Amino acid sequence: MDDGKSAKFQALYRGLDRAHGIWTTAGRPRTVRTAAMDGDWTAHFNGKLGLGIVPIMDDGRCLFGAIDIDQDDIDHQELARKVRQYEMPLVVCRSKSGGAHCYTFYRTPQPAAEVQKRLAACAAKLGYGGAEIFPKQVKLAPDQVGNWINLPYFNLAKTARPGYDTDGPLDLDSFLTAAEKVQGMEGQPATAHEDSMEGAPPCLVTLMQTGITAGQRNEGLYNYAIYCKKKSPETLEDDLMAFNHKLFDRPLPVKEVQTLAKSIGRRTYGYKCSLPPINAVCNRPECLLRKFGVRPQDDSYNDLMVGSITKIETDPPRWSLEINGVDVIFSTEELMEYRVVRKLALERINVIAPPMKQEDWLALLKHRMTTMVKVEAPVDAGVEGQVGSIFLDFITIADRSRDRTDVLRGIPAKDTIDKKPVVIFRSCDFMDFVKRRRVDLPKGPEFWMAMKRLGCGHHKVRIQDKTIQVWYVAVKDYSGFEIQVPREEVEI
């Protein structure tokens, strides 16, 4: 591949310089905690290894961002036509899964929060208000790497991920030209030709331009009735009649509109943000700022926006799930139960999630797993590693013991079993040691299974005329207290 083209492509997708993502040809995603090297870009273009880049940089700014539309039957040319119609600073590309990535590019780094805001407005205008937005974070903690997005033009010679314009797929030269044009639109509002409906939710402004299908006229007009009441209760019916004729080629019957106006006028209702036709063009962050938009108190529950999922390969694994823009850590058991997810969302990020059927949650989870990212973790990050580290500290206290009677005082003691050196201790004393260290370790069977794998066993000993149950672990010698972990034989 031409080095000049590769350099231009790399410059467009410059992001976080301490991590990137890869997809193997076997379809396995992985986060690598180093910058992407020249060889990674070459492997991407040659179809050897898919490359993903984290848009947000350590200073909280971005040179590119994307709308991720996860719909595998999308018409990319039609989407490009809408982008051109609304004069949006976007280039449409086919994604790995067959959906669309709509990229924006900047010549100078932009605050991630501003990029998110612009792209959310574009997504709503295009009719994909629920689409994922990259960057996913507005700032990164020192140990956080953010979320990466797969790049276009994988396997350049026969790519299935090209850019698109209204005439069809773009070769790399045309894509680079289109991206440079988008860079030249820097600072332009995310959506052009916005209608001047005073203080109205952005979804209603968008639908005035794009129209509402005949089968959604009643549901659509209901939301305009809410807006009319918020803006001017005294003229609700007259204003609603006007919208009825502006919105539809075949307006609803006058009697239906009058009945709707009376119903809305008598009681307090809110916008139906989660239902068609406005859910597809919802831009909630912007709506919250509009005079007659939604108010946080309008909803009994917070919106639950579930983003990407990351598998942290500890033992056992942990899962990082993005909820409303915040990464929340779950165990496998917690993640599988929506009842528990709601509880932890409230405890950890103050989100009151709406009810959901368990089977619907599992379906959503299954969908998110299709784009799961795996992150390697240090050996000591798992349960066994954490237990082992603290346990070693505990048994070294036996160096101060005189004989097995110290066990009754809560001190692990040197002893022998079958003429082999061991350290004996009571389980309650080890648990007290863990509590004093203020370490949050798993409890119950998971904890003690980790202990068993470290070589601990049960034994009865006679101390001061009493027979008590103790735990023991074999050691190579008393000087270093090196644990003799039993060798596990593979069963065939």
Protein backbone atom coordinates (compact mmCIF):
# COMPACT_ATOMS: atom_id res chain seq x y z
CA MET A 1 0.00 0.00 0.00
CA ASP A 2 1.13 3.56 -0.73
CA ASP A 3 2.88 5.00 2.35
CA GLY A 4 1.33 8.42 1.78
CA LYS A 5 -2.21 7.04 1.88
CA SER A 6 -1.42 4.97 4.97
CA ALA A 7 0.00 8.04 6.73
CA LYS A 8 -3.14 10.08 5.92
CA PHE A 9 -5.37 7.26 7.16
CA GLN A 10 -3.40 6.94 10.40
CA ALA A 11 -3.56 10.70 10.94
CA LEU A 12 -7.37 10.63 10.62
CA TYR A 13 -7.64 7.93 13.27
CA ARG A 14 -5.12 9.22 15.78
CA GLY A 15 -6.43 8.42 19.27
CA LEU A 16 -5.21 7.07 22.60
CA ASP A 17 -1.48 6.34 22.40
CA ARG A 18 -1.27 3.72 25.16
CA ALA A 19 -3.85 1.15 24.04
CA HIS A 20 -5.59 -0.17 20.95
CA GLY A 21 -7.85 -3.06 19.97
CA ILE A 22 -7.35 -6.02 17.65
CA TRP A 23 -9.59 -8.62 16.05
CA THR A 24 -7.92 -11.88 15.11
CA THR A 25 -8.94 -13.69 11.94
CA ALA A 26 -10.60 -16.21 14.26
CA GLY A 27 -12.94 -13.43 15.39
CA ARG A 28 -11.52 -12.83 18.86
CA PRO A 29 -11.30 -9.23 20.11
CA ARG A 30 -8.59 -8.13 22.51
CA THR A 31 -7.37 -4.89 24.04
CA VAL A 32 -3.61 -4.35 23.81
CA ARG A 33 -2.12 -1.85 26.25
CA THR A 34 0.35 -0.28 23.84
CA ALA A 35 0.07 2.17 20.95
CA ALA A 36 -0.71 0.72 17.51
CA MET A 37 2.54 0.22 15.61
CA ASP A 38 3.17 0.55 11.86
CA GLY A 39 2.96 -3.22 11.57
CA ASP A 40 -0.56 -3.20 13.07
CA TRP A 41 -1.79 -0.77 10.40
CA THR A 42 -0.15 -2.86 7.67
CA ALA A 43 -1.74 -6.04 9.05
CA HIS A 44 -5.13 -4.27 9.03
CA PHE A 45 -4.85 -3.27 5.38
CA ASN A 46 -3.58 -6.74 4.45
CA GLY A 47 -6.47 -8.50 6.18
CA LYS A 48 -4.26 -10.24 8.74
CA LEU A 49 -5.40 -8.51 11.94
CA GLY A 50 -8.32 -6.10 12.42
CA LEU A 51 -7.41 -2.82 14.13
CA GLY A 52 -9.45 -0.75 16.57
CA ILE A 53 -8.60 2.70 17.93
CA VAL A 54 -9.79 4.47 21.11
CA PRO A 55 -10.94 7.96 19.99
CA ILE A 56 -10.46 9.76 23.31
CA MET A 57 -6.93 10.82 24.23
CA ASP A 58 -5.49 11.29 27.70
CA ASP A 59 -6.29 15.00 27.67
CA GLY A 60 -10.02 14.29 27.15
CA ARG A 61 -10.04 15.43 23.53
CA CYS A 62 -10.59 13.70 20.19
CA LEU A 63 -9.58 14.00 16.55
CA PHE A 64 -12.37 11.68 15.43
CA GLY A 65 -15.64 10.21 16.65
CA ALA A 66 -18.32 7.88 15.33
CA ILE A 67 -21.98 6.91 15.45
CA ASP A 68 -22.27 3.11 15.62
CA ILE A 69 -25.55 2.03 14.01
CA ASP A 70 -25.99 -1.65 14.79
CA GLN A 71 -28.48 -2.61 12.09
CA ASP A 72 -27.21 -5.16 9.58
CA ASP A 73 -29.87 -4.49 6.92
CA ILE A 74 -29.11 -0.78 6.62
CA ASP A 75 -28.92 0.86 3.19
CA HIS A 76 -25.55 2.63 3.30
CA GLN A 77 -26.16 4.67 0.15
CA GLU A 78 -29.49 5.93 1.49
CA LEU A 79 -27.83 6.80 4.79
CA ALA A 80 -25.15 8.73 2.87
CA ARG A 81 -27.92 10.56 1.02
CA LYS A 82 -29.51 11.66 4.31
CA VAL A 83 -26.12 12.78 5.60
CA ARG A 84 -25.71 14.95 2.50
CA GLN A 85 -29.30 16.24 2.69
CA TYR A 86 -28.76 17.47 6.25
CA GLU A 87 -25.23 18.70 5.48
CA MET A 88 -23.75 16.69 8.34
CA PRO A 89 -19.99 16.49 8.90
CA LEU A 90 -19.96 12.70 8.56
CA VAL A 91 -18.58 9.94 6.34
CA VAL A 92 -20.62 6.72 6.24
CA CYS A 93 -18.74 3.38 6.36
CA ARG A 94 -19.89 -0.21 6.54
CA SER A 95 -19.07 -1.73 9.94
CA LYS A 96 -17.65 -5.17 10.66
CA SER A 97 -21.10 -6.50 11.58
CA GLY A 98 -22.78 -5.05 8.48
CA GLY A 99 -24.18 -1.96 10.18
CA ALA A 100 -22.81 1.54 9.78
CA HIS A 101 -20.11 3.66 11.36
CA CYS A 102 -20.65 7.36 10.65
CA TYR A 103 -17.31 9.06 11.28
CA THR A 104 -16.56 12.69 11.98
CA PHE A 105 -13.02 14.09 11.80
CA TYR A 106 -11.31 17.23 13.14
CA ARG A 107 -8.13 19.08 12.25
CA THR A 108 -7.65 20.19 15.85
CA PRO A 109 -8.55 18.08 18.91
CA GLN A 110 -12.05 18.72 20.28
CA PRO A 111 -13.39 18.07 23.83
CA ALA A 112 -14.87 14.58 23.97
CA ALA A 113 -18.06 15.87 25.62
CA GLU A 114 -18.63 18.26 22.70
CA VAL A 115 -17.98 15.50 20.15
CA GLN A 116 -20.53 13.28 21.91
CA LYS A 117 -23.09 16.07 21.90
CA ARG A 118 -22.66 16.76 18.18
CA LEU A 119 -22.82 13.11 17.22
CA ALA A 120 -25.87 12.43 19.40
CA ALA A 121 -27.67 15.25 17.59
CA CYS A 122 -26.68 13.78 14.22
CA ALA A 123 -27.81 10.30 15.24
CA ALA A 124 -31.21 11.58 16.33
CA LYS A 125 -31.62 13.58 13.11
CA LEU A 126 -30.81 10.49 11.04
CA GLY A 127 -33.40 8.46 12.95
CA TYR A 128 -31.01 6.45 15.12
CA GLY A 129 -31.33 8.21 18.45
CA GLY A 130 -30.40 5.06 20.40
CA ALA A 131 -27.14 4.42 18.51
CA GLU A 132 -23.87 4.12 20.40
CA ILE A 133 -21.56 7.11 20.28
CA PHE A 134 -17.75 7.00 20.24
CA PRO A 135 -15.96 8.30 22.25
CA LYS A 136 -17.85 6.65 25.10
CA GLN A 137 -15.99 8.51 27.83
CA VAL A 138 -15.46 12.25 28.36
CA LYS A 139 -12.29 11.70 30.37
CA LEU A 140 -10.04 8.78 31.28
CA ALA A 141 -8.65 7.71 34.62
CA PRO A 142 -4.90 6.95 34.58
CA ASP A 143 -5.54 3.19 34.42
CA GLN A 144 -8.56 3.38 32.08
CA VAL A 145 -8.23 2.73 28.34
CA GLY A 146 -11.74 3.58 27.12
CA ASN A 147 -13.57 1.80 24.30
CA TRP A 148 -12.12 1.21 20.86
CA ILE A 149 -13.94 1.06 17.54
CA ASN A 150 -13.07 -1.13 14.54
CA LEU A 151 -11.64 0.81 11.62
CA PRO A 152 -12.82 0.65 7.98
CA TYR A 153 -10.90 -0.71 4.99
CA PHE A 154 -9.82 -3.96 6.65
CA ASN A 155 -8.32 -6.20 3.91
CA LEU A 156 -8.08 -3.22 1.55
CA ALA A 157 -7.86 -5.20 -1.70
CA LYS A 158 -11.22 -6.91 -1.06
CA THR A 159 -12.62 -4.82 1.75
CA ALA A 160 -16.11 -5.42 3.10
CA ARG A 161 -15.87 -2.20 5.15
CA PRO A 162 -15.66 0.66 2.64
CA GLY A 163 -16.90 4.20 2.95
CA TYR A 164 -20.03 5.22 1.03
CA ASP A 165 -21.47 8.20 -0.76
CA THR A 166 -24.74 8.53 -2.63
CA ASP A 167 -23.30 6.66 -5.65
CA GLY A 168 -22.06 3.64 -3.72
CA PRO A 169 -18.80 2.37 -2.16
CA LEU A 170 -15.72 4.62 -2.04
CA ASP A 171 -12.17 3.53 -2.79
CA LEU A 172 -9.56 4.63 -0.27
CA ASP A 173 -8.59 7.75 -2.24
CA SER A 174 -12.20 8.94 -2.35
CA PHE A 175 -12.66 8.16 1.34
CA LEU A 176 -9.62 10.22 2.28
CA THR A 177 -10.93 13.11 0.19
CA ALA A 178 -14.35 12.88 1.86
CA ALA A 179 -12.76 12.75 5.32
CA GLU A 180 -10.66 15.85 4.59
CA LYS A 181 -13.84 17.64 3.50
CA VAL A 182 -15.45 16.73 6.83
CA GLN A 183 -12.41 18.12 8.63
CA GLY A 184 -13.02 21.38 6.79
CA MET A 185 -16.51 21.55 8.33
CA GLU A 186 -15.04 21.79 11.84
CA GLY A 187 -17.17 23.90 14.14
CA GLN A 188 -20.25 23.61 11.94
CA PRO A 189 -23.44 22.78 13.87
CA ALA A 190 -24.17 19.06 14.00
CA THR A 191 -27.45 19.45 12.12
CA ALA A 192 -28.35 22.01 9.52
CA HIS A 193 -31.70 23.55 8.67
CA GLU A 194 -33.11 23.20 12.22
CA ASP A 195 -36.69 24.36 12.41
CA SER A 196 -37.41 27.19 14.84
CA MET A 197 -39.99 25.56 17.10
CA GLU A 198 -39.44 27.58 20.26
CA GLY A 199 -38.08 25.43 23.10
CA ALA A 200 -39.38 22.19 21.53
CA PRO A 201 -37.72 18.80 22.11
CA PRO A 202 -35.24 18.08 19.28
CA CYS A 203 -37.14 14.92 18.34
CA LEU A 204 -40.25 16.95 17.44
CA VAL A 205 -38.15 19.39 15.44
CA THR A 206 -36.62 16.49 13.51
CA LEU A 207 -40.00 14.86 12.79
CA MET A 208 -41.29 18.14 11.38
CA GLN A 209 -38.59 17.81 8.71
CA THR A 210 -38.51 14.05 8.14
CA GLY A 211 -42.22 13.36 8.49
CA ILE A 212 -44.25 10.74 10.35
CA THR A 213 -45.53 7.56 8.72
CA ALA A 214 -49.29 7.11 8.37
CA GLY A 215 -49.33 4.29 10.91
CA GLN A 216 -47.83 6.50 13.63
CA ARG A 217 -49.96 9.62 13.26
CA ASN A 218 -51.83 9.21 16.56
CA GLU A 219 -48.71 8.45 18.57
CA GLY A 220 -46.82 11.27 16.90
CA LEU A 221 -49.52 13.90 17.40
CA TYR A 222 -49.82 12.91 21.08
CA ASN A 223 -46.25 14.15 21.69
CA TYR A 224 -46.94 17.41 19.85
CA ALA A 225 -49.97 17.83 22.11
CA ILE A 226 -47.67 17.60 25.16
CA TYR A 227 -45.45 20.29 23.64
CA CYS A 228 -48.43 22.53 22.87
CA LYS A 229 -49.71 22.24 26.43
CA LYS A 230 -46.28 23.01 27.92
CA LYS A 231 -45.85 26.01 25.65
CA SER A 232 -49.35 27.52 25.72
CA PRO A 233 -52.16 25.66 27.54
CA GLU A 234 -54.67 28.35 26.54
CA THR A 235 -54.21 27.71 22.81
CA LEU A 236 -53.60 23.95 23.03
CA GLU A 237 -56.40 22.87 20.68
CA ASP A 238 -55.73 25.51 18.02
CA ASP A 239 -51.98 24.82 18.02
CA LEU A 240 -52.57 21.08 17.81
CA MET A 241 -54.88 21.52 14.83
CA ALA A 242 -52.12 23.47 13.08
CA PHE A 243 -49.59 20.70 13.72
CA ASN A 244 -52.08 18.12 12.43
CA HIS A 245 -52.05 19.84 9.04
CA LYS A 246 -48.32 20.60 8.99
CA LEU A 247 -47.26 17.06 9.85
CA PHE A 248 -49.49 14.88 7.72
CA ASP A 249 -50.49 14.76 4.07
CA ARG A 250 -53.68 13.15 5.32
CA PRO A 251 -54.47 14.90 8.63
CA LEU A 252 -56.35 13.10 11.38
CA PRO A 253 -60.11 13.83 11.65
CA VAL A 254 -60.96 17.03 13.52
CA LYS A 255 -62.94 15.13 16.16
CA GLU A 256 -59.92 12.93 17.02
CA VAL A 257 -57.72 15.99 17.44
CA GLN A 258 -60.30 17.69 19.67
CA THR A 259 -60.62 14.57 21.85
CA LEU A 260 -56.82 14.36 22.19
CA ALA A 261 -56.57 18.04 23.14
CA LYS A 262 -59.25 17.69 25.82
CA SER A 263 -57.63 14.58 27.27
CA ILE A 264 -54.19 16.22 27.44
CA GLY A 265 -55.66 19.40 28.85
CA ARG A 266 -57.40 17.66 31.76
CA ARG A 267 -54.50 15.57 33.08
CA THR A 268 -50.72 15.71 33.42
CA TYR A 269 -48.96 13.57 30.86
CA GLY A 270 -45.38 13.38 29.65
CA TYR A 271 -43.63 12.69 26.36
CA LYS A 272 -43.44 9.02 25.39
CA CYS A 273 -39.70 9.07 24.82
CA SER A 274 -39.25 5.30 24.72
CA LEU A 275 -41.91 4.67 22.05
CA PRO A 276 -42.18 5.31 18.29
CA PRO A 277 -42.00 7.59 16.48
CA ILE A 278 -39.88 9.78 18.76
CA ASN A 279 -37.63 7.10 20.28
CA ALA A 280 -35.70 6.75 17.02
CA VAL A 281 -34.88 10.47 16.92
CA CYS A 282 -34.41 11.04 20.65
CA ASN A 283 -31.57 13.33 21.75
CA ARG A 284 -32.12 13.34 25.49
CA PRO A 285 -29.06 15.40 26.56
CA GLU A 286 -30.18 18.24 24.30
CA CYS A 287 -33.85 17.76 25.23
CA LEU A 288 -33.05 18.35 28.90
CA LEU A 289 -31.81 21.81 27.97
CA ARG A 290 -34.89 22.78 25.97
CA LYS A 291 -37.48 25.00 27.65
CA PHE A 292 -40.34 22.63 26.82
CA GLY A 293 -38.30 19.43 26.75
CA VAL A 294 -38.33 16.61 29.25
CA ARG A 295 -37.49 17.29 32.87
CA PRO A 296 -35.67 14.72 35.03
CA GLN A 297 -38.67 14.61 37.38
CA ASP A 298 -40.99 13.74 34.47
CA ASP A 299 -39.83 10.12 34.64
CA SER A 300 -40.32 7.61 37.42
CA TYR A 301 -37.15 5.87 36.25
CA ASN A 302 -33.88 6.85 34.62
CA ASP A 303 -33.26 5.80 31.04
CA LEU A 304 -31.15 2.65 30.99
CA MET A 305 -28.56 3.01 28.24
CA VAL A 306 -26.52 -0.18 28.07
CA GLY A 307 -23.33 0.16 26.05
CA SER A 308 -20.35 -2.07 25.46
CA ILE A 309 -19.31 -5.03 27.58
CA THR A 310 -15.75 -5.99 28.47
CA LYS A 311 -14.65 -9.33 29.88
CA ILE A 312 -11.81 -8.92 32.38
CA GLU A 313 -10.04 -12.26 32.27
CA THR A 314 -9.42 -12.79 35.96
CA ASP A 315 -10.16 -16.09 37.69
CA PRO A 316 -13.13 -16.07 37.94
CA PRO A 317 -13.79 -13.43 35.25
CA ARG A 318 -15.26 -10.02 35.96
CA TRP A 319 -17.41 -8.00 33.55
CA SER A 320 -17.30 -4.28 32.87
CA LEU A 321 -20.64 -3.08 31.49
CA GLU A 322 -21.18 0.48 30.36
CA ILE A 323 -24.41 1.83 31.88
CA ASN A 324 -25.39 5.41 31.06
CA GLY A 325 -21.80 6.22 30.12
CA VAL A 326 -20.23 4.76 33.29
CA ASP A 327 -18.32 1.45 33.49
CA VAL A 328 -19.78 -0.80 36.21
CA ILE A 329 -18.03 -4.01 37.32
CA PHE A 330 -20.09 -7.18 37.83
CA SER A 331 -19.45 -10.79 38.69
CA THR A 332 -20.91 -13.36 36.30
CA GLU A 333 -23.77 -14.15 38.68
CA GLU A 334 -24.60 -10.46 39.14
CA LEU A 335 -24.57 -9.74 35.42
CA MET A 336 -26.97 -12.57 34.61
CA GLU A 337 -29.71 -11.32 36.97
CA TYR A 338 -31.46 -8.09 35.96
CA ARG A 339 -32.84 -7.71 39.48
CA VAL A 340 -29.28 -7.54 40.78
CA VAL A 341 -28.16 -5.24 37.95
CA ARG A 342 -30.89 -2.72 38.91
CA LYS A 343 -29.79 -2.84 42.56
CA LEU A 344 -26.11 -2.34 41.76
CA ALA A 345 -26.84 0.43 39.22
CA LEU A 346 -28.58 2.36 42.01
CA GLU A 347 -25.85 1.66 44.56
CA ARG A 348 -22.89 2.39 42.33
CA ILE A 349 -23.96 5.08 39.84
CA ASN A 350 -27.26 6.38 41.31
CA VAL A 351 -29.36 5.19 38.35
CA ILE A 352 -32.92 4.01 39.05
CA ALA A 353 -33.30 1.60 36.16
CA PRO A 354 -36.77 0.77 34.80
CA PRO A 355 -38.29 -2.70 35.23
CA MET A 356 -37.44 -5.28 32.58
CA LYS A 357 -38.35 -8.91 32.11
CA GLN A 358 -35.48 -11.28 32.85
CA GLU A 359 -35.72 -12.85 29.38
CA ASP A 360 -35.53 -9.40 27.76
CA TRP A 361 -32.41 -8.61 29.79
CA LEU A 362 -30.74 -11.85 28.68
CA ALA A 363 -31.63 -11.06 25.06
CA LEU A 364 -30.05 -7.61 25.41
CA LEU A 365 -27.00 -9.12 27.08
CA LYS A 366 -26.64 -11.69 24.30
CA HIS A 367 -26.70 -8.90 21.73
CA ARG A 368 -24.01 -6.93 23.57
CA MET A 369 -21.84 -10.06 23.81
CA THR A 370 -21.48 -10.09 20.02
CA THR A 371 -19.16 -7.08 20.33
CA MET A 372 -17.56 -8.07 23.64
CA VAL A 373 -13.96 -7.01 24.24
CA LYS A 374 -11.57 -9.15 26.29
CA VAL A 375 -8.97 -7.58 28.57
CA GLU A 376 -6.11 -9.57 30.04
CA ALA A 377 -5.58 -9.14 33.78
CA PRO A 378 -2.61 -9.87 36.05
CA VAL A 379 -2.58 -13.30 37.70
CA ASP A 380 -3.03 -11.78 41.16
CA ALA A 381 -6.18 -9.94 40.05
CA GLY A 382 -8.32 -13.06 40.40
CA VAL A 383 -9.80 -14.54 43.56
CA GLU A 384 -7.08 -17.14 43.91
CA GLY A 385 -4.33 -14.56 43.41
CA GLN A 386 -5.82 -12.20 46.01
CA VAL A 387 -6.47 -14.97 48.53
CA GLY A 388 -2.98 -16.39 48.01
CA SER A 389 -1.28 -13.04 48.57
CA ILE A 390 -3.10 -12.37 51.85
CA PHE A 391 -2.76 -15.98 52.97
CA LEU A 392 1.03 -15.84 52.62
CA ASP A 393 1.09 -12.77 54.86
CA PHE A 394 -1.06 -14.62 57.38
CA ILE A 395 0.95 -17.83 57.68
CA THR A 396 4.23 -15.94 58.08
CA ILE A 397 2.90 -14.92 61.52
CA ALA A 398 3.66 -18.54 62.47
CA ASP A 399 7.28 -17.49 62.65
CA ARG A 400 6.38 -15.99 66.06
CA SER A 401 4.62 -19.11 67.33
CA ARG A 402 6.14 -21.36 70.02
CA ASP A 403 3.95 -24.44 69.62
CA ARG A 404 0.49 -25.50 68.53
CA THR A 405 -1.12 -23.97 71.64
CA ASP A 406 -0.74 -20.56 69.95
CA VAL A 407 -3.56 -21.56 67.64
CA LEU A 408 -5.97 -21.06 70.55
CA ARG A 409 -4.77 -17.44 70.74
CA GLY A 410 -5.54 -16.85 67.05
CA ILE A 411 -1.97 -17.27 65.82
CA PRO A 412 -1.07 -19.75 63.04
CA ALA A 413 1.45 -22.25 64.35
CA LYS A 414 4.23 -24.45 63.04
CA ASP A 415 3.44 -28.15 63.25
CA THR A 416 3.93 -31.43 61.43
CA ILE A 417 1.44 -33.81 59.83
CA ASP A 418 2.72 -37.17 58.64
CA LYS A 419 6.21 -35.92 59.51
CA LYS A 420 5.89 -33.07 56.99
CA PRO A 421 6.16 -29.36 57.94
CA VAL A 422 2.85 -27.54 57.95
CA VAL A 423 1.26 -24.40 59.35
CA ILE A 424 -2.02 -24.94 61.19
CA PHE A 425 -4.67 -22.31 61.89
CA ARG A 426 -8.34 -21.85 62.64
CA SER A 427 -10.51 -20.61 59.77
CA CYS A 428 -12.12 -17.94 61.96
CA ASP A 429 -8.70 -16.45 62.72
CA PHE A 430 -7.82 -16.18 59.03
CA MET A 431 -11.16 -14.53 58.27
CA ASP A 432 -10.54 -12.00 61.07
CA PHE A 433 -7.12 -11.30 59.52
CA VAL A 434 -8.76 -10.61 56.16
CA LYS A 435 -11.30 -8.26 57.76
CA ARG A 436 -8.55 -6.31 59.54
CA ARG A 437 -6.84 -5.82 56.17
CA ARG A 438 -10.12 -4.35 54.89
CA VAL A 439 -9.91 -6.38 51.72
CA ASP A 440 -13.12 -7.15 49.89
CA LEU A 441 -12.70 -10.83 49.05
CA PRO A 442 -15.45 -13.22 47.90
CA LYS A 443 -17.15 -15.17 50.64
CA GLY A 444 -18.46 -18.68 51.03
CA PRO A 445 -17.67 -21.59 48.71
CA GLU A 446 -15.77 -19.47 46.17
CA PHE A 447 -13.37 -18.29 48.87
CA TRP A 448 -12.72 -21.70 50.37
CA MET A 449 -12.35 -23.37 46.97
CA ALA A 450 -9.52 -20.92 46.31
CA MET A 451 -7.98 -21.99 49.64
CA LYS A 452 -8.29 -25.65 48.68
CA ARG A 453 -6.49 -24.96 45.40
CA LEU A 454 -3.69 -23.37 47.40
CA GLY A 455 -3.23 -26.73 49.12
CA CYS A 456 -5.14 -26.22 52.37
CA GLY A 457 -6.75 -29.17 54.10
CA HIS A 458 -8.71 -30.08 57.25
CA HIS A 459 -7.23 -31.83 60.23
CA LYS A 460 -8.06 -32.55 63.88
CA VAL A 461 -5.42 -31.81 66.50
CA ARG A 462 -5.19 -32.26 70.26
CA ILE A 463 -4.44 -29.03 72.14
CA GLN A 464 -4.61 -28.76 75.92
CA ASP A 465 -6.81 -31.83 76.31
CA LYS A 466 -9.15 -30.58 73.59
CA THR A 467 -9.61 -31.92 70.11
CA ILE A 468 -10.23 -29.06 67.68
CA GLN A 469 -10.73 -28.75 63.92
CA VAL A 470 -7.99 -26.79 62.17
CA TRP A 471 -6.92 -25.98 58.64
CA TYR A 472 -3.38 -26.66 57.55
CA VAL A 473 -1.11 -25.96 54.60
CA ALA A 474 2.11 -27.80 53.77
CA VAL A 475 5.27 -25.69 53.49
CA LYS A 476 8.68 -26.56 52.08
CA ASP A 477 10.38 -25.26 55.21
CA TYR A 478 9.64 -22.90 58.04
CA SER A 479 12.19 -20.26 57.05
CA GLY A 480 10.52 -18.96 53.91
CA PHE A 481 7.03 -20.42 54.35
CA GLU A 482 6.85 -21.28 50.67
CA ILE A 483 3.50 -23.00 50.05
CA GLN A 484 3.61 -26.39 48.40
CA VAL A 485 0.73 -26.05 45.94
CA PRO A 486 -0.48 -29.53 44.94
CA ARG A 487 -0.02 -30.52 41.30
CA GLU A 488 -3.34 -31.06 39.55
CA GLU A 489 -3.42 -34.03 37.21
CA VAL A 490 -5.46 -33.75 34.05
CA GLU A 491 -8.30 -36.25 33.82
CA ILE A 492 -8.86 -37.84 30.43
